Amino acid sequence: MTQPTDIRRALALLAPARPFRVLDGCCCIGGGSEGYRRAFGSDVHITGVDKEAQPDYCGDAFHQGDAIEFIRAHGHEFDFIHISPPCQGEGAPTKGTNKARNAAIGRTYPRLIGPARQALEATGRPYVIENVAGSEVRKDIRLCGEQFGLAVLMHRYFELGGWTTAQPAHPRHRGRVRGYRHGQYFDGPYVAAYGKGGGKATVDEIRAAKGIDWSTDHLKLREALPPAYTEWIGRAYLATLAPALEVAA
């Protein structure tokens, strides 16, 4: 585990005489931002970008607008960039079984991972792209709530640009997600932090399950990353700087 002293040394090496600047694209209420704050400590400044207003955003600065366009224009000004493109067009339901149905009713979803990757690579900065199973994101890292003792599973995949780290062990799930399946109720240690009805999680349950205490917006809570995920990502990134810290010591 990276210690506070090591964090300060690492950030001073990367961004001397100023805060370490993190950009969180498609930030929602800032679940990812909060995780990076926990990882990088007090010497960090986090800017969130989202196409929708986010009054509950918890970072240091917020810009409402297109995240990819913002990265193209300003990404080079940051030390580390994260983006979580909207996943509605990326998962299996929209690309597979429901593709024809969506086409028939004129429903389309943006496919933003390719353009995001192109914009990120042009900055020359280390980056992370997060998305769901079935998306085009490269599956460098998979994280699950069970790895952090959370009461939500929420498998997510992370593409790492300009750096790499090893996949952590994925412990066996302790049981089922609580709720109704085909009219039958199942109990279990995890809450369903998506949708409404059918035993889905309440606001208070999602807040507790994800470790998010600064919002009561049910939809935004459902969309938000648990901060534990990006805290792990941020600490893993800091760990890659160990050789440089030894040279600088």
Protein backbone atom coordinates (compact mmCIF):
# COMPACT_ATOMS: atom_id res chain seq x y z
CA MET A 1 0.00 0.00 0.00
CA THR A 2 1.33 3.44 -0.96
CA GLN A 3 2.02 5.56 2.12
CA PRO A 4 1.17 9.30 2.44
CA THR A 5 4.84 10.30 2.32
CA ASP A 6 5.34 8.32 -0.89
CA ILE A 7 2.25 9.96 -2.39
CA ARG A 8 3.56 13.45 -1.69
CA ARG A 9 6.97 12.57 -3.13
CA ALA A 10 5.41 11.06 -6.23
CA LEU A 11 3.14 14.02 -6.90
CA ALA A 12 5.96 16.49 -6.26
CA LEU A 13 8.03 14.61 -8.81
CA LEU A 14 5.24 14.71 -11.39
CA ALA A 15 3.94 18.21 -10.73
CA PRO A 16 6.51 20.31 -8.85
CA ALA A 17 5.36 23.58 -7.28
CA ARG A 18 1.66 23.05 -8.09
CA PRO A 19 -1.18 20.62 -7.39
CA PHE A 20 -1.34 17.35 -9.32
CA ARG A 21 -4.10 17.90 -11.88
CA VAL A 22 -6.64 15.18 -12.59
CA LEU A 23 -9.37 15.36 -15.24
CA ASP A 24 -12.49 13.23 -14.77
CA GLY A 25 -14.45 13.08 -18.02
CA CYS A 26 -18.15 12.11 -18.01
CA CYS A 27 -17.80 12.54 -14.26
CA CYS A 28 -21.46 12.31 -13.15
CA ILE A 29 -21.56 13.17 -9.41
CA GLY A 30 -17.88 12.35 -8.99
CA GLY A 31 -17.61 8.81 -7.66
CA GLY A 32 -14.42 8.45 -9.70
CA SER A 33 -13.18 11.88 -8.64
CA GLU A 34 -13.57 11.05 -4.97
CA GLY A 35 -11.60 7.83 -5.43
CA TYR A 36 -8.72 9.68 -7.05
CA ARG A 37 -8.78 12.24 -4.23
CA ARG A 38 -8.43 9.41 -1.72
CA ALA A 39 -5.57 7.93 -3.72
CA PHE A 40 -3.64 11.12 -4.45
CA GLY A 41 -4.32 12.96 -1.19
CA SER A 42 -4.51 16.67 -0.50
CA ASP A 43 -2.01 17.71 -3.18
CA VAL A 44 -4.44 17.12 -6.02
CA HIS A 45 -6.89 19.30 -7.98
CA ILE A 46 -9.68 17.44 -9.78
CA THR A 47 -11.76 18.87 -12.62
CA GLY A 48 -14.94 17.13 -13.70
CA VAL A 49 -16.53 17.43 -17.14
CA ASP A 50 -20.01 16.24 -18.03
CA LYS A 51 -22.57 17.12 -20.69
CA GLU A 52 -25.22 17.45 -17.97
CA ALA A 53 -25.25 19.82 -15.03
CA GLN A 54 -24.00 18.01 -11.92
CA PRO A 55 -24.94 20.06 -8.85
CA ASP A 56 -23.76 17.25 -6.57
CA TYR A 57 -20.31 16.96 -8.17
CA CYS A 58 -17.69 16.63 -5.42
CA GLY A 59 -14.47 17.65 -7.18
CA ASP A 60 -12.66 20.99 -7.18
CA ALA A 61 -13.94 22.39 -10.47
CA PHE A 62 -16.68 21.47 -12.94
CA HIS A 63 -17.18 22.21 -16.63
CA GLN A 64 -20.44 21.41 -18.38
CA GLY A 65 -19.78 20.31 -21.93
CA ASP A 66 -18.55 17.55 -24.20
CA ALA A 67 -15.83 15.59 -22.37
CA ILE A 68 -14.02 14.44 -25.50
CA GLU A 69 -13.91 17.95 -26.95
CA PHE A 70 -12.61 19.19 -23.59
CA ILE A 71 -9.85 16.57 -23.64
CA ARG A 72 -8.89 17.59 -27.17
CA ALA A 73 -8.66 21.24 -26.14
CA HIS A 74 -7.30 20.97 -22.60
CA GLY A 75 -6.19 17.41 -21.88
CA HIS A 76 -2.51 18.32 -22.18
CA GLU A 77 -2.93 20.66 -19.20
CA PHE A 78 -3.59 17.74 -16.85
CA ASP A 79 -1.30 15.15 -15.29
CA PHE A 80 -3.73 12.23 -15.30
CA ILE A 81 -7.00 11.75 -17.19
CA HIS A 82 -9.95 9.44 -16.55
CA ILE A 83 -13.06 9.11 -18.69
CA SER A 84 -16.18 6.97 -18.29
CA PRO A 85 -18.01 7.28 -21.64
CA PRO A 86 -21.77 6.61 -21.51
CA CYS A 87 -22.24 2.84 -21.54
CA GLN A 88 -25.76 2.61 -23.01
CA GLY A 89 -24.39 1.97 -26.49
CA GLU A 90 -21.61 -0.35 -25.36
CA GLY A 91 -23.15 -3.28 -23.51
CA ALA A 92 -24.51 -6.50 -24.95
CA PRO A 93 -28.22 -5.50 -24.79
CA THR A 94 -27.81 -2.62 -27.23
CA LYS A 95 -25.19 -4.26 -29.45
CA GLY A 96 -26.69 -7.74 -29.45
CA THR A 97 -30.11 -9.00 -28.44
CA ASN A 98 -31.90 -5.63 -28.55
CA LYS A 99 -30.06 -4.16 -31.53
CA ALA A 100 -32.90 -4.72 -34.02
CA ARG A 101 -35.51 -3.48 -31.54
CA ASN A 102 -33.56 -0.29 -30.89
CA ALA A 103 -33.15 0.29 -34.62
CA ALA A 104 -36.87 -0.25 -35.22
CA ILE A 105 -37.88 2.48 -32.75
CA GLY A 106 -35.14 4.86 -33.85
CA ARG A 107 -33.14 4.62 -30.62
CA THR A 108 -29.44 5.19 -31.10
CA TYR A 109 -26.61 5.54 -28.63
CA PRO A 110 -23.23 7.22 -29.13
CA ARG A 111 -20.17 4.98 -29.44
CA LEU A 112 -17.54 7.13 -27.78
CA ILE A 113 -14.71 4.83 -26.70
CA GLY A 114 -12.82 5.05 -30.00
CA PRO A 115 -12.99 8.87 -30.19
CA ALA A 116 -12.11 9.11 -26.50
CA ARG A 117 -9.04 6.90 -26.94
CA GLN A 118 -7.89 8.96 -29.92
CA ALA A 119 -8.26 12.21 -27.98
CA LEU A 120 -6.48 10.79 -24.94
CA GLU A 121 -3.54 9.41 -26.90
CA ALA A 122 -3.03 12.82 -28.51
CA THR A 123 -2.48 14.41 -25.09
CA GLY A 124 0.51 12.21 -24.24
CA ARG A 125 -0.78 11.94 -20.67
CA PRO A 126 -1.41 8.75 -18.68
CA TYR A 127 -5.08 7.89 -18.87
CA VAL A 128 -7.87 5.49 -17.93
CA ILE A 129 -11.00 4.60 -19.89
CA GLU A 130 -13.71 2.85 -17.85
CA ASN A 131 -16.67 0.93 -19.20
CA VAL A 132 -18.84 -2.18 -19.01
CA ALA A 133 -18.46 -5.76 -20.19
CA GLY A 134 -19.17 -6.03 -23.91
CA SER A 135 -17.77 -2.58 -24.64
CA GLU A 136 -14.83 -1.77 -26.90
CA VAL A 137 -12.66 -0.71 -23.97
CA ARG A 138 -9.48 -2.78 -23.68
CA LYS A 139 -9.86 -5.10 -20.69
CA ASP A 140 -6.59 -4.30 -18.88
CA ILE A 141 -8.17 -4.34 -15.42
CA ARG A 142 -11.47 -5.69 -14.12
CA LEU A 143 -12.78 -4.46 -10.78
CA CYS A 144 -15.73 -5.71 -8.75
CA GLY A 145 -17.30 -4.52 -5.52
CA GLU A 146 -16.46 -7.80 -3.81
CA GLN A 147 -12.76 -6.92 -4.11
CA PHE A 148 -13.41 -4.00 -1.76
CA GLY A 149 -16.00 -5.56 0.54
CA LEU A 150 -18.82 -3.51 -0.97
CA ALA A 151 -22.46 -4.55 -1.03
CA VAL A 152 -22.63 -4.06 -4.79
CA LEU A 153 -20.96 -6.13 -7.52
CA MET A 154 -20.86 -3.73 -10.51
CA HIS A 155 -18.12 -5.26 -12.67
CA ARG A 156 -16.24 -2.59 -14.59
CA TYR A 157 -13.30 -2.69 -16.99
CA PHE A 158 -10.44 -0.22 -17.23
CA GLU A 159 -8.16 0.49 -20.19
CA LEU A 160 -4.82 1.95 -19.09
CA GLY A 161 -2.98 4.30 -21.42
CA GLY A 162 0.69 5.14 -20.97
CA TRP A 163 1.09 2.88 -17.92
CA THR A 164 0.21 -0.61 -16.78
CA THR A 165 -0.37 -2.66 -13.66
CA ALA A 166 -1.30 -6.22 -12.77
CA GLN A 167 -4.86 -7.49 -12.50
CA PRO A 168 -5.86 -7.97 -8.85
CA ALA A 169 -7.39 -11.23 -7.69
CA HIS A 170 -11.14 -11.49 -8.16
CA PRO A 171 -12.61 -13.20 -5.07
CA ARG A 172 -15.56 -15.51 -5.36
CA HIS A 173 -18.91 -13.81 -4.89
CA ARG A 174 -20.57 -14.54 -1.54
CA GLY A 175 -24.06 -15.02 -2.92
CA ARG A 176 -26.75 -13.47 -5.09
CA VAL A 177 -27.85 -9.93 -5.80
CA ARG A 178 -30.95 -9.28 -3.75
CA GLY A 179 -34.22 -8.85 -5.65
CA TYR A 180 -36.77 -10.46 -7.92
CA ARG A 181 -35.83 -12.63 -10.91
CA HIS A 182 -38.70 -13.84 -13.12
CA GLY A 183 -41.17 -13.33 -10.32
CA GLN A 184 -39.12 -15.09 -7.65
CA TYR A 185 -37.44 -13.19 -4.83
CA PHE A 186 -33.84 -13.97 -3.93
CA ASP A 187 -31.97 -12.71 -0.91
CA GLY A 188 -28.26 -12.05 -0.93
CA PRO A 189 -25.39 -9.85 0.31
CA TYR A 190 -25.48 -7.47 -2.68
CA VAL A 191 -28.02 -4.82 -3.64
CA ALA A 192 -29.22 -4.13 -7.18
CA ALA A 193 -28.00 -0.59 -7.75
CA TYR A 194 -29.82 -0.19 -11.07
CA GLY A 195 -33.41 0.48 -12.09
CA LYS A 196 -36.37 0.75 -9.75
CA GLY A 197 -38.85 -1.71 -8.29
CA GLY A 198 -38.46 -5.45 -8.00
CA GLY A 199 -36.36 -5.22 -4.88
CA LYS A 200 -33.91 -2.72 -6.40
CA ALA A 201 -31.79 -0.69 -4.00
CA THR A 202 -33.07 2.47 -2.34
CA VAL A 203 -31.12 5.71 -2.19
CA ASP A 204 -29.80 4.94 1.28
CA GLU A 205 -28.82 1.41 0.25
CA ILE A 206 -26.89 2.62 -2.80
CA ARG A 207 -25.13 5.28 -0.76
CA ALA A 208 -24.02 2.68 1.75
CA ALA A 209 -23.18 0.03 -0.85
CA LYS A 210 -21.02 2.31 -3.01
CA GLY A 211 -19.53 4.47 -0.28
CA ILE A 212 -21.06 7.71 -1.62
CA ASP A 213 -22.45 10.07 1.02
CA TRP A 214 -22.72 13.41 -0.78
CA SER A 215 -25.74 12.84 -3.06
CA THR A 216 -29.34 11.64 -2.71
CA ASP A 217 -30.11 11.56 -6.45
CA HIS A 218 -31.23 7.97 -7.15
CA LEU A 219 -30.39 8.01 -10.87
CA LYS A 220 -26.98 9.64 -10.41
CA LEU A 221 -26.15 7.28 -7.56
CA ARG A 222 -26.96 4.32 -9.81
CA GLU A 223 -24.66 5.70 -12.53
CA ALA A 224 -21.76 6.63 -10.26
CA LEU A 225 -18.61 4.57 -9.88
CA PRO A 226 -17.83 3.44 -6.33
CA PRO A 227 -14.88 5.59 -5.19
CA ALA A 228 -13.05 2.43 -4.08
CA TYR A 229 -12.49 1.53 -7.75
CA THR A 230 -10.61 4.67 -8.72
CA GLU A 231 -8.85 4.81 -5.39
CA TRP A 232 -7.38 1.42 -6.31
CA ILE A 233 -6.54 2.65 -9.83
CA GLY A 234 -4.88 5.81 -8.50
CA ARG A 235 -2.78 3.92 -5.97
CA ALA A 236 -1.78 1.41 -8.63
CA TYR A 237 -0.62 4.29 -10.83
CA LEU A 238 1.42 5.77 -7.98
CA ALA A 239 3.03 2.38 -7.41
CA THR A 240 4.37 2.42 -10.98
CA LEU A 241 6.40 5.51 -10.04
CA ALA A 242 8.48 3.63 -7.45
CA PRO A 243 11.63 3.38 -9.65
CA ALA A 244 11.58 7.13 -10.28
CA LEU A 245 11.17 7.80 -6.57
CA GLU A 246 14.21 5.65 -5.79
CA VAL A 247 16.31 7.60 -8.29
CA ALA A 248 15.08 10.91 -6.86
CA ALA A 249 15.72 9.86 -3.25
